[in-house]
PDB file of N, CA and C in Angstrom:
ATOM      1  N   MET A   1       0.855  -1.172   0.000  1.00  0.00           N
ATOM      2  CA  MET A   1       0.000   0.000   0.000  1.00  0.00           C
ATOM      3  C   MET A   1       0.901   1.235   0.000  1.00  0.00           C
ATOM      4  N   LYS A   2       0.750   2.053  -1.012  1.00  0.00           N
ATOM      5  CA  LYS A   2       1.586   3.227  -1.155  1.00  0.00           C
ATOM      6  C   LYS A   2       0.818   4.476  -0.730  1.00  0.00           C
ATOM      7  N   PHE A   3       1.506   5.354  -0.031  1.00  0.00           N
ATOM      8  CA  PHE A   3       0.897   6.613   0.393  1.00  0.00           C
ATOM      9  C   PHE A   3       0.901   7.583  -0.781  1.00  0.00           C
ATOM     10  N   ARG A   4      -0.271   8.012  -1.177  1.00  0.00           N
ATOM     11  CA  ARG A   4      -0.419   8.972  -2.277  1.00  0.00           C
ATOM     12  C   ARG A   4      -0.721  10.342  -1.682  1.00  0.00           C
ATOM     13  N   GLN A   5       0.293  11.190  -1.728  1.00  0.00           N
ATOM     14  CA  GLN A   5       0.161  12.506  -1.112  1.00  0.00           C
ATOM     15  C   GLN A   5      -0.793  13.401  -1.872  1.00  0.00           C
ATOM     16  N   LYS A   6      -1.506  14.184  -1.125  1.00  0.00           N
ATOM     17  CA  LYS A   6      -2.357  15.227  -1.675  1.00  0.00           C
ATOM     18  C   LYS A   6      -1.601  16.546  -1.571  1.00  0.00           C
ATOM     19  N   THR A   7      -2.064  17.533  -2.277  1.00  0.00           N
ATOM     20  CA  THR A   7      -1.463  18.861  -2.167  1.00  0.00           C
ATOM     21  C   THR A   7      -1.865  19.462  -0.818  1.00  0.00           C
ATOM     22  N   PRO A   8      -1.159  20.493  -0.358  1.00  0.00           N
ATOM     23  CA  PRO A   8      -1.563  21.139   0.898  1.00  0.00           C
ATOM     24  C   PRO A   8      -3.016  21.625   0.857  1.00  0.00           C
ATOM     25  N   GLN A   9      -3.454  22.139  -0.283  1.00  0.00           N
ATOM     26  CA  GLN A   9      -4.830  22.620  -0.403  1.00  0.00           C
ATOM     27  C   GLN A   9      -5.821  21.459  -0.302  1.00  0.00           C
ATOM     28  N   GLN A  10      -5.511  20.331  -0.933  1.00  0.00           N
ATOM     29  CA  GLN A  10      -6.389  19.163  -0.873  1.00  0.00           C
ATOM     30  C   GLN A  10      -6.471  18.619   0.552  1.00  0.00           C
ATOM     31  N   GLU A  11      -5.335  18.564   1.240  1.00  0.00           N
ATOM     32  CA  GLU A  11      -5.332  18.088   2.627  1.00  0.00           C
ATOM     33  C   GLU A  11      -6.138  19.026   3.522  1.00  0.00           C
ATOM     34  N   TYR A  12      -5.950  20.316   3.340  1.00  0.00           N
ATOM     35  CA  TYR A  12      -6.662  21.295   4.156  1.00  0.00           C
ATOM     36  C   TYR A  12      -8.167  21.153   3.945  1.00  0.00           C
ATOM     37  N   LYS A  13      -8.582  20.997   2.696  1.00  0.00           N
ATOM     38  CA  LYS A  13      -9.998  20.818   2.382  1.00  0.00           C
ATOM     39  C   LYS A  13     -10.526  19.517   2.996  1.00  0.00           C
ATOM     40  N   LEU A  14      -9.730  18.456   2.921  1.00  0.00           N
ATOM     41  CA  LEU A  14     -10.121  17.162   3.481  1.00  0.00           C
ATOM     42  C   LEU A  14     -10.390  17.271   4.975  1.00  0.00           C
ATOM     43  N   ILE A  15      -9.444  17.840   5.713  1.00  0.00           N
ATOM     44  CA  ILE A  15      -9.609  17.873   7.170  1.00  0.00           C
ATOM     45  C   ILE A  15     -10.698  18.853   7.600  1.00  0.00           C
ATOM     46  N   GLN A  16     -10.912  19.903   6.828  1.00  0.00           N
ATOM     47  CA  GLN A  16     -11.962  20.860   7.179  1.00  0.00           C
ATOM     48  C   GLN A  16     -13.354  20.305   6.907  1.00  0.00           C
ATOM     49  N   ASN A  17     -13.489  19.487   5.882  1.00  0.00           N
ATOM     50  CA  ASN A  17     -14.804  19.001   5.462  1.00  0.00           C
ATOM     51  C   ASN A  17     -15.099  17.573   5.900  1.00  0.00           C
ATOM     52  N   ASP A  18     -14.208  16.961   6.647  1.00  0.00           N
ATOM     53  CA  ASP A  18     -14.398  15.574   7.070  1.00  0.00           C
ATOM     54  C   ASP A  18     -15.468  15.486   8.160  1.00  0.00           C
ATOM     55  N   THR A  19     -15.931  14.271   8.422  1.00  0.00           N
ATOM     56  CA  THR A  19     -16.942  14.037   9.447  1.00  0.00           C
ATOM     57  C   THR A  19     -16.338  14.257  10.833  1.00  0.00           C
ATOM     58  N   PHE A  20     -17.180  14.254  11.847  1.00  0.00           N
ATOM     59  CA  PHE A  20     -16.709  14.517  13.211  1.00  0.00           C
ATOM     60  C   PHE A  20     -15.686  13.490  13.694  1.00  0.00           C
ATOM     61  N   ASP A  21     -15.731  12.272  13.147  1.00  0.00           N
ATOM     62  CA  ASP A  21     -14.760  11.248  13.551  1.00  0.00           C
ATOM     63  C   ASP A  21     -13.571  11.153  12.584  1.00  0.00           C
ATOM     64  N   PHE A  22     -13.522  12.029  11.598  1.00  0.00           N
ATOM     65  CA  PHE A  22     -12.413  12.141  10.640  1.00  0.00           C
ATOM     66  C   PHE A  22     -12.131  10.821   9.910  1.00  0.00           C
ATOM     67  N   PHE A  23     -13.200  10.161   9.490  1.00  0.00           N
ATOM     68  CA  PHE A  23     -13.083   8.875   8.816  1.00  0.00           C
ATOM     69  C   PHE A  23     -12.238   8.961   7.541  1.00  0.00           C
ATOM     70  N   GLU A  24     -12.489   9.940   6.705  1.00  0.00           N
ATOM     71  CA  GLU A  24     -11.747  10.072   5.434  1.00  0.00           C
ATOM     72  C   GLU A  24     -10.280  10.426   5.670  1.00  0.00           C
ATOM     73  N   THR A  25     -10.020  11.245   6.648  1.00  0.00           N
ATOM     74  CA  THR A  25      -8.635  11.609   6.964  1.00  0.00           C
ATOM     75  C   THR A  25      -7.881  10.390   7.484  1.00  0.00           C
ATOM     76  N   LYS A  26      -8.522   9.601   8.326  1.00  0.00           N
ATOM     77  CA  LYS A  26      -7.894   8.376   8.834  1.00  0.00           C
ATOM     78  C   LYS A  26      -7.591   7.420   7.693  1.00  0.00           C
ATOM     79  N   LYS A  27      -8.533   7.298   6.769  1.00  0.00           N
ATOM     80  CA  LYS A  27      -8.333   6.423   5.613  1.00  0.00           C
ATOM     81  C   LYS A  27      -7.158   6.922   4.765  1.00  0.00           C
ATOM     82  N   TYR A  28      -7.067   8.228   4.592  1.00  0.00           N
ATOM     83  CA  TYR A  28      -5.982   8.843   3.824  1.00  0.00           C
ATOM     84  C   TYR A  28      -4.619   8.596   4.477  1.00  0.00           C
ATOM     85  N   LEU A  29      -4.542   8.721   5.802  1.00  0.00           N
ATOM     86  CA  LEU A  29      -3.256   8.615   6.503  1.00  0.00           C
ATOM     87  C   LEU A  29      -2.858   7.183   6.858  1.00  0.00           C
ATOM     88  N   GLU A  30      -3.765   6.246   6.738  1.00  0.00           N
ATOM     89  CA  GLU A  30      -3.479   4.873   7.155  1.00  0.00           C
ATOM     90  C   GLU A  30      -2.260   4.281   6.446  1.00  0.00           C
ATOM     91  N   SER A  31      -2.111   4.519   5.157  1.00  0.00           N
ATOM     92  CA  SER A  31      -0.953   3.972   4.444  1.00  0.00           C
ATOM     93  C   SER A  31       0.349   4.661   4.870  1.00  0.00           C
ATOM     94  N   LEU A  32       0.286   5.945   5.217  1.00  0.00           N
ATOM     95  CA  LEU A  32       1.467   6.650   5.740  1.00  0.00           C
ATOM     96  C   LEU A  32       1.897   6.045   7.071  1.00  0.00           C
ATOM     97  N   ILE A  33       0.930   5.775   7.919  1.00  0.00           N
ATOM     98  CA  ILE A  33       1.217   5.176   9.228  1.00  0.00           C
ATOM     99  C   ILE A  33       1.804   3.780   9.050  1.00  0.00           C
ATOM    100  N   THR A  34       1.182   2.983   8.199  1.00  0.00           N
ATOM    101  CA  THR A  34       1.664   1.620   7.948  1.00  0.00           C
ATOM    102  C   THR A  34       3.087   1.643   7.411  1.00  0.00           C
ATOM    103  N   LYS A  35       3.341   2.526   6.460  1.00  0.00           N
ATOM    104  CA  LYS A  35       4.690   2.659   5.890  1.00  0.00           C
ATOM    105  C   LYS A  35       5.707   3.011   6.983  1.00  0.00           C
ATOM    106  N   SER A  36       5.334   3.910   7.869  1.00  0.00           N
ATOM    107  CA  SER A  36       6.226   4.310   8.961  1.00  0.00           C
ATOM    108  C   SER A  36       6.498   3.152   9.920  1.00  0.00           C
ATOM    109  N   LEU A  37       5.455   2.419  10.259  1.00  0.00           N
ATOM    110  CA  LEU A  37       5.608   1.295  11.198  1.00  0.00           C
ATOM    111  C   LEU A  37       6.418   0.157  10.596  1.00  0.00           C
ATOM    112  N   ASN A  38       6.358   0.000   9.293  1.00  0.00           N
ATOM    113  CA  ASN A  38       7.078  -1.088   8.631  1.00  0.00           C
ATOM    114  C   ASN A  38       8.594  -0.894   8.616  1.00  0.00           C
ATOM    115  N   HIS A  39       9.066   0.260   9.016  1.00  0.00           N
ATOM    116  CA  HIS A  39      10.507   0.497   9.097  1.00  0.00           C
ATOM    117  C   HIS A  39      11.136  -0.113  10.352  1.00  0.00           C
ATOM    118  N   PHE A  40      10.301  -0.679  11.192  1.00  0.00           N
ATOM    119  CA  PHE A  40      10.779  -1.193  12.470  1.00  0.00           C
ATOM    120  C   PHE A  40      10.390  -2.645  12.649  1.00  0.00           C
ATOM    121  N   LYS A  41      11.184  -3.345  13.441  1.00  0.00           N
ATOM    122  CA  LYS A  41      10.886  -4.730  13.772  1.00  0.00           C
ATOM    123  C   LYS A  41       9.882  -4.729  14.926  1.00  0.00           C
ATOM    124  N   LEU A  42       8.631  -4.912  14.579  1.00  0.00           N
ATOM    125  CA  LEU A  42       7.563  -4.905  15.575  1.00  0.00           C
ATOM    126  C   LEU A  42       6.728  -6.160  15.423  1.00  0.00           C
ATOM    127  N   THR A  43       6.263  -6.677  16.539  1.00  0.00           N
ATOM    128  CA  THR A  43       5.344  -7.809  16.457  1.00  0.00           C
ATOM    129  C   THR A  43       4.024  -7.290  15.884  1.00  0.00           C
ATOM    130  N   LYS A  44       3.233  -8.191  15.360  1.00  0.00           N
ATOM    131  CA  LYS A  44       1.933  -7.808  14.791  1.00  0.00           C
ATOM    132  C   LYS A  44       1.046  -7.153  15.852  1.00  0.00           C
ATOM    133  N   ILE A  45       1.131  -7.658  17.079  1.00  0.00           N
ATOM    134  CA  ILE A  45       0.307  -7.113  18.166  1.00  0.00           C
ATOM    135  C   ILE A  45       0.707  -5.671  18.473  1.00  0.00           C
ATOM    136  N   ILE A  46       1.994  -5.418  18.585  1.00  0.00           N
ATOM    137  CA  ILE A  46       2.473  -4.058  18.870  1.00  0.00           C
ATOM    138  C   ILE A  46       2.164  -3.136  17.694  1.00  0.00           C
ATOM    139  N   GLN A  47       2.351  -3.645  16.490  1.00  0.00           N
ATOM    140  CA  GLN A  47       2.063  -2.830  15.313  1.00  0.00           C
ATOM    141  C   GLN A  47       0.581  -2.435  15.269  1.00  0.00           C
ATOM    142  N   ARG A  48      -0.297  -3.376  15.564  1.00  0.00           N
ATOM    143  CA  ARG A  48      -1.738  -3.084  15.564  1.00  0.00           C
ATOM    144  C   ARG A  48      -2.095  -2.103  16.681  1.00  0.00           C
ATOM    145  N   LYS A  49      -1.494  -2.285  17.859  1.00  0.00           N
ATOM    146  CA  LYS A  49      -1.738  -1.381  18.982  1.00  0.00           C
ATOM    147  C   LYS A  49      -1.293   0.046  18.639  1.00  0.00           C
ATOM    148  N   LEU A  50      -0.112   0.157  18.044  1.00  0.00           N
ATOM    149  CA  LEU A  50       0.382   1.476  17.649  1.00  0.00           C
ATOM    150  C   LEU A  50      -0.522   2.105  16.592  1.00  0.00           C
ATOM    151  N   MET A  51      -0.988   1.302  15.661  1.00  0.00           N
ATOM    152  CA  MET A  51      -1.885   1.814  14.622  1.00  0.00           C
ATOM    153  C   MET A  51      -3.138   2.423  15.256  1.00  0.00           C
ATOM    154  N   ILE A  52      -3.718   1.726  16.193  1.00  0.00           N
ATOM    155  CA  ILE A  52      -4.927   2.224  16.874  1.00  0.00           C
ATOM    156  C   ILE A  52      -4.627   3.511  17.628  1.00  0.00           C
ATOM    157  N   GLU A  53      -3.497   3.544  18.339  1.00  0.00           N
ATOM    158  CA  GLU A  53      -3.122   4.736  19.097  1.00  0.00           C
ATOM    159  C   GLU A  53      -2.870   5.927  18.177  1.00  0.00           C
ATOM    160  N   ILE A  54      -2.175   5.679  17.071  1.00  0.00           N
ATOM    161  CA  ILE A  54      -1.861   6.762  16.137  1.00  0.00           C
ATOM    162  C   ILE A  54      -3.136   7.284  15.480  1.00  0.00           C
ATOM    163  N   LEU A  55      -4.017   6.387  15.086  1.00  0.00           N
ATOM    164  CA  LEU A  55      -5.289   6.817  14.490  1.00  0.00           C
ATOM    165  C   LEU A  55      -6.118   7.638  15.475  1.00  0.00           C
ATOM    166  N   SER A  56      -6.011   7.306  16.754  1.00  0.00           N
ATOM    167  CA  SER A  56      -6.751   8.077  17.762  1.00  0.00           C
ATOM    168  C   SER A  56      -6.163   9.474  17.964  1.00  0.00           C
ATOM    169  N   ASP A  57      -4.921   9.684  17.533  1.00  0.00           N
ATOM    170  CA  ASP A  57      -4.287  11.003  17.630  1.00  0.00           C
ATOM    171  C   ASP A  57      -4.761  11.973  16.542  1.00  0.00           C
ATOM    172  N   ILE A  58      -5.372  11.455  15.491  1.00  0.00           N
ATOM    173  CA  ILE A  58      -5.739  12.299  14.353  1.00  0.00           C
ATOM    174  C   ILE A  58      -6.666  13.453  14.732  1.00  0.00           C
ATOM    175  N   PRO A  59      -7.761  13.231  15.458  1.00  0.00           N
ATOM    176  CA  PRO A  59      -8.617  14.382  15.806  1.00  0.00           C
ATOM    177  C   PRO A  59      -7.885  15.468  16.602  1.00  0.00           C
ATOM    178  N   ILE A  60      -7.027  15.058  17.505  1.00  0.00           N
ATOM    179  CA  ILE A  60      -6.256  16.016  18.310  1.00  0.00           C
ATOM    180  C   ILE A  60      -5.313  16.807  17.407  1.00  0.00           C
ATOM    181  N   ALA A  61      -4.620  16.102  16.526  1.00  0.00           N
ATOM    182  CA  ALA A  61      -3.674  16.746  15.614  1.00  0.00           C
ATOM    183  C   ALA A  61      -4.393  17.724  14.684  1.00  0.00           C
ATOM    184  N   ILE A  62      -5.559  17.344  14.197  1.00  0.00           N
ATOM    185  CA  ILE A  62      -6.316  18.218  13.295  1.00  0.00           C
ATOM    186  C   ILE A  62      -6.730  19.494  14.013  1.00  0.00           C
ATOM    187  N   LYS A  63      -7.226  19.365  15.224  1.00  0.00           N
ATOM    188  CA  LYS A  63      -7.641  20.553  15.981  1.00  0.00           C
ATOM    189  C   LYS A  63      -6.472  21.499  16.215  1.00  0.00           C
ATOM    190  N   LYS A  64      -5.324  20.949  16.563  1.00  0.00           N
ATOM    191  CA  LYS A  64      -4.141  21.791  16.792  1.00  0.00           C
ATOM    192  C   LYS A  64      -3.644  22.396  15.480  1.00  0.00           C
ATOM    193  N   PHE A  65      -3.679  21.607  14.418  1.00  0.00           N
ATOM    194  CA  PHE A  65      -3.237  22.084  13.109  1.00  0.00           C
ATOM    195  C   PHE A  65      -4.112  23.242  12.626  1.00  0.00           C
ATOM    196  N   LEU A  66      -5.423  23.079  12.736  1.00  0.00           N
ATOM    197  CA  LEU A  66      -6.339  24.121  12.275  1.00  0.00           C
ATOM    198  C   LEU A  66      -6.315  25.355  13.172  1.00  0.00           C
ATOM    199  N   ALA A  67      -5.990  25.168  14.442  1.00  0.00           N
ATOM    200  CA  ALA A  67      -5.923  26.304  15.369  1.00  0.00           C
ATOM    201  C   ALA A  67      -4.768  27.245  15.036  1.00  0.00           C
ATOM    202  N   ASN A  68      -3.738  26.706  14.409  1.00  0.00           N
ATOM    203  CA  ASN A  68      -2.576  27.515  14.038  1.00  0.00           C
ATOM    204  C   ASN A  68      -2.792  28.045  12.616  1.00  0.00           C
ATOM    205  N   LYS A  69      -3.217  29.276  12.498  1.00  0.00           N
ATOM    206  CA  LYS A  69      -3.533  29.875  11.192  1.00  0.00           C
ATOM    207  C   LYS A  69      -2.311  29.979  10.282  1.00  0.00           C
ATOM    208  N   ASP A  70      -1.111  29.981  10.852  1.00  0.00           N
ATOM    209  CA  ASP A  70       0.110  30.042  10.046  1.00  0.00           C
ATOM    210  C   ASP A  70       0.260  28.808   9.159  1.00  0.00           C
ATOM    211  N   ASN A  71      -0.282  27.665   9.590  1.00  0.00           N
ATOM    212  CA  ASN A  71      -0.168  26.450   8.790  1.00  0.00           C
ATOM    213  C   ASN A  71      -0.816  26.626   7.415  1.00  0.00           C
ATOM    214  N   ALA A  72      -1.972  27.254   7.380  1.00  0.00           N
ATOM    215  CA  ALA A  72      -2.660  27.487   6.105  1.00  0.00           C
ATOM    216  C   ALA A  72      -1.913  28.525   5.268  1.00  0.00           C
ATOM    217  N   LYS A  73      -1.426  29.579   5.924  1.00  0.00           N
ATOM    218  CA  LYS A  73      -0.695  30.620   5.202  1.00  0.00           C
ATOM    219  C   LYS A  73       0.596  30.086   4.598  1.00  0.00           C
ATOM    220  N   LYS A  74       1.284  29.242   5.355  1.00  0.00           N
ATOM    221  CA  LYS A  74       2.569  28.700   4.901  1.00  0.00           C
ATOM    222  C   LYS A  74       2.402  27.467   4.014  1.00  0.00           C
ATOM    223  N   ARG A  75       1.147  27.043   3.843  1.00  0.00           N
ATOM    224  CA  ARG A  75       0.827  25.870   3.026  1.00  0.00           C
ATOM    225  C   ARG A  75       1.540  24.615   3.530  1.00  0.00           C
ATOM    226  N   ILE A  76       1.535  24.453   4.830  1.00  0.00           N
ATOM    227  CA  ILE A  76       2.122  23.275   5.454  1.00  0.00           C
ATOM    228  C   ILE A  76       1.170  22.113   5.270  1.00  0.00           C
ATOM    229  N   LYS A  77       1.724  20.976   4.874  1.00  0.00           N
ATOM    230  CA  LYS A  77       0.905  19.792   4.661  1.00  0.00           C
ATOM    231  C   LYS A  77       0.567  19.143   5.998  1.00  0.00           C
ATOM    232  N   PHE A  78      -0.687  18.767   6.150  1.00  0.00           N
ATOM    233  CA  PHE A  78      -1.096  18.104   7.377  1.00  0.00           C
ATOM    234  C   PHE A  78      -0.379  16.773   7.532  1.00  0.00           C
ATOM    235  N   SER A  79      -0.178  16.040   6.449  1.00  0.00           N
ATOM    236  CA  SER A  79       0.495  14.741   6.536  1.00  0.00           C
ATOM    237  C   SER A  79       1.921  14.895   7.072  1.00  0.00           C
ATOM    238  N   LEU A  80       2.604  15.948   6.670  1.00  0.00           N
ATOM    239  CA  LEU A  80       3.948  16.207   7.197  1.00  0.00           C
ATOM    240  C   LEU A  80       3.865  16.564   8.680  1.00  0.00           C
ATOM    241  N   TYR A  81       2.934  17.421   9.030  1.00  0.00           N
ATOM    242  CA  TYR A  81       2.706  17.803  10.432  1.00  0.00           C
ATOM    243  C   TYR A  81       2.407  16.559  11.263  1.00  0.00           C
ATOM    244  N   PHE A  82       1.602  15.654  10.730  1.00  0.00           N
ATOM    245  CA  PHE A  82       1.177  14.475  11.477  1.00  0.00           C
ATOM    246  C   PHE A  82       2.306  13.465  11.686  1.00  0.00           C
ATOM    247  N   THR A  83       3.351  13.510  10.885  1.00  0.00           N
ATOM    248  CA  THR A  83       4.465  12.573  11.086  1.00  0.00           C
ATOM    249  C   THR A  83       5.100  12.731  12.463  1.00  0.00           C
ATOM    250  N   TRP A  84       4.997  13.919  13.049  1.00  0.00           N
ATOM    251  CA  TRP A  84       5.514  14.114  14.408  1.00  0.00           C
ATOM    252  C   TRP A  84       4.735  13.233  15.386  1.00  0.00           C
ATOM    253  N   TYR A  85       3.425  13.166  15.229  1.00  0.00           N
ATOM    254  CA  TYR A  85       2.596  12.322  16.099  1.00  0.00           C
ATOM    255  C   TYR A  85       2.963  10.843  15.920  1.00  0.00           C
ATOM    256  N   ILE A  86       3.208  10.443  14.686  1.00  0.00           N
ATOM    257  CA  ILE A  86       3.616   9.067  14.418  1.00  0.00           C
ATOM    258  C   ILE A  86       4.945   8.769  15.113  1.00  0.00           C
ATOM    259  N   SER A  87       5.899   9.671  14.961  1.00  0.00           N
ATOM    260  CA  SER A  87       7.219   9.434  15.565  1.00  0.00           C
ATOM    261  C   SER A  87       7.147   9.394  17.089  1.00  0.00           C
ATOM    262  N   GLN A  88       6.287  10.204  17.682  1.00  0.00           N
ATOM    263  CA  GLN A  88       6.147  10.181  19.141  1.00  0.00           C
ATOM    264  C   GLN A  88       5.645   8.836  19.634  1.00  0.00           C
ATOM    265  N   ARG A  89       4.691   8.259  18.934  1.00  0.00           N
ATOM    266  CA  ARG A  89       4.170   6.937  19.313  1.00  0.00           C
ATOM    267  C   ARG A  89       5.222   5.860  19.110  1.00  0.00           C
ATOM    268  N   ILE A  90       5.941   5.913  18.021  1.00  0.00           N
ATOM    269  CA  ILE A  90       6.988   4.918  17.763  1.00  0.00           C
ATOM    270  C   ILE A  90       8.095   5.042  18.795  1.00  0.00           C
ATOM    271  N   ASN A  91       8.482   6.265  19.114  1.00  0.00           N
ATOM    272  CA  ASN A  91       9.553   6.485  20.096  1.00  0.00           C
ATOM    273  C   ASN A  91       9.159   6.062  21.507  1.00  0.00           C
ATOM    274  N   SER A  92       7.875   5.903  21.751  1.00  0.00           N
ATOM    275  CA  SER A  92       7.428   5.484  23.085  1.00  0.00           C
ATOM    276  C   SER A  92       7.714   4.003  23.342  1.00  0.00           C
ATOM    277  N   ILE A  93       8.022   3.264  22.291  1.00  0.00           N
ATOM    278  CA  ILE A  93       8.340   1.837  22.423  1.00  0.00           C
ATOM    279  C   ILE A  93       9.823   1.714  22.784  1.00  0.00           C
ATOM    280  N   LYS A  94      10.095   1.076  23.879  1.00  0.00           N
ATOM    281  CA  LYS A  94      11.485   0.912  24.320  1.00  0.00           C
ATOM    282  C   LYS A  94      12.155  -0.226  23.547  1.00  0.00           C
ATOM    283  N   ASN A  95      13.442  -0.099  23.335  1.00  0.00           N
ATOM    284  CA  ASN A  95      14.248  -1.120  22.666  1.00  0.00           C
ATOM    285  C   ASN A  95      13.763  -1.444  21.260  1.00  0.00           C
ATOM    286  N   ILE A  96      13.331  -0.440  20.552  1.00  0.00           N
ATOM    287  CA  ILE A  96      12.857  -0.653  19.184  1.00  0.00           C
ATOM    288  C   ILE A  96      14.052  -0.755  18.245  1.00  0.00           C
ATOM    289  N   LYS A  97      13.950  -1.597  17.250  1.00  0.00           N
ATOM    290  CA  LYS A  97      15.035  -1.780  16.302  1.00  0.00           C
ATOM    291  C   LYS A  97      14.535  -1.538  14.891  1.00  0.00           C
ATOM    292  N   ARG A  98      15.368  -0.869  14.102  1.00  0.00           N
ATOM    293  CA  ARG A  98      15.046  -0.635  12.688  1.00  0.00           C
ATOM    294  C   ARG A  98      15.289  -1.904  11.894  1.00  0.00           C
ATOM    295  N   LYS A  99      14.546  -2.046  10.831  1.00  0.00           N
ATOM    296  CA  LYS A  99      14.753  -3.188   9.927  1.00  0.00           C
ATOM    297  C   LYS A  99      16.002  -2.982   9.115  1.00  0.00           C
TER     298      LYS A  99
END
């Protein structure tokens, strides 16, 4: 599954017009999350747990992203912004090893 990036304008429109549970945004970012997790030696259980935790971070990240008006002015991509949330969850795992 390959992550197909949208333009900053497309991402901004997606997150602004998504449902209250951000279903479409989660679907869009799922391949990015999977790609990120696949860089590490993780058991299937840990990988699934991290996926759930990271997906639960999306509404929080969107609210913070939209609250910062500079993000829209600077045309910052939400997917790039969200990689910080992914890295924080991955870094929370002790003794993690890269593939």
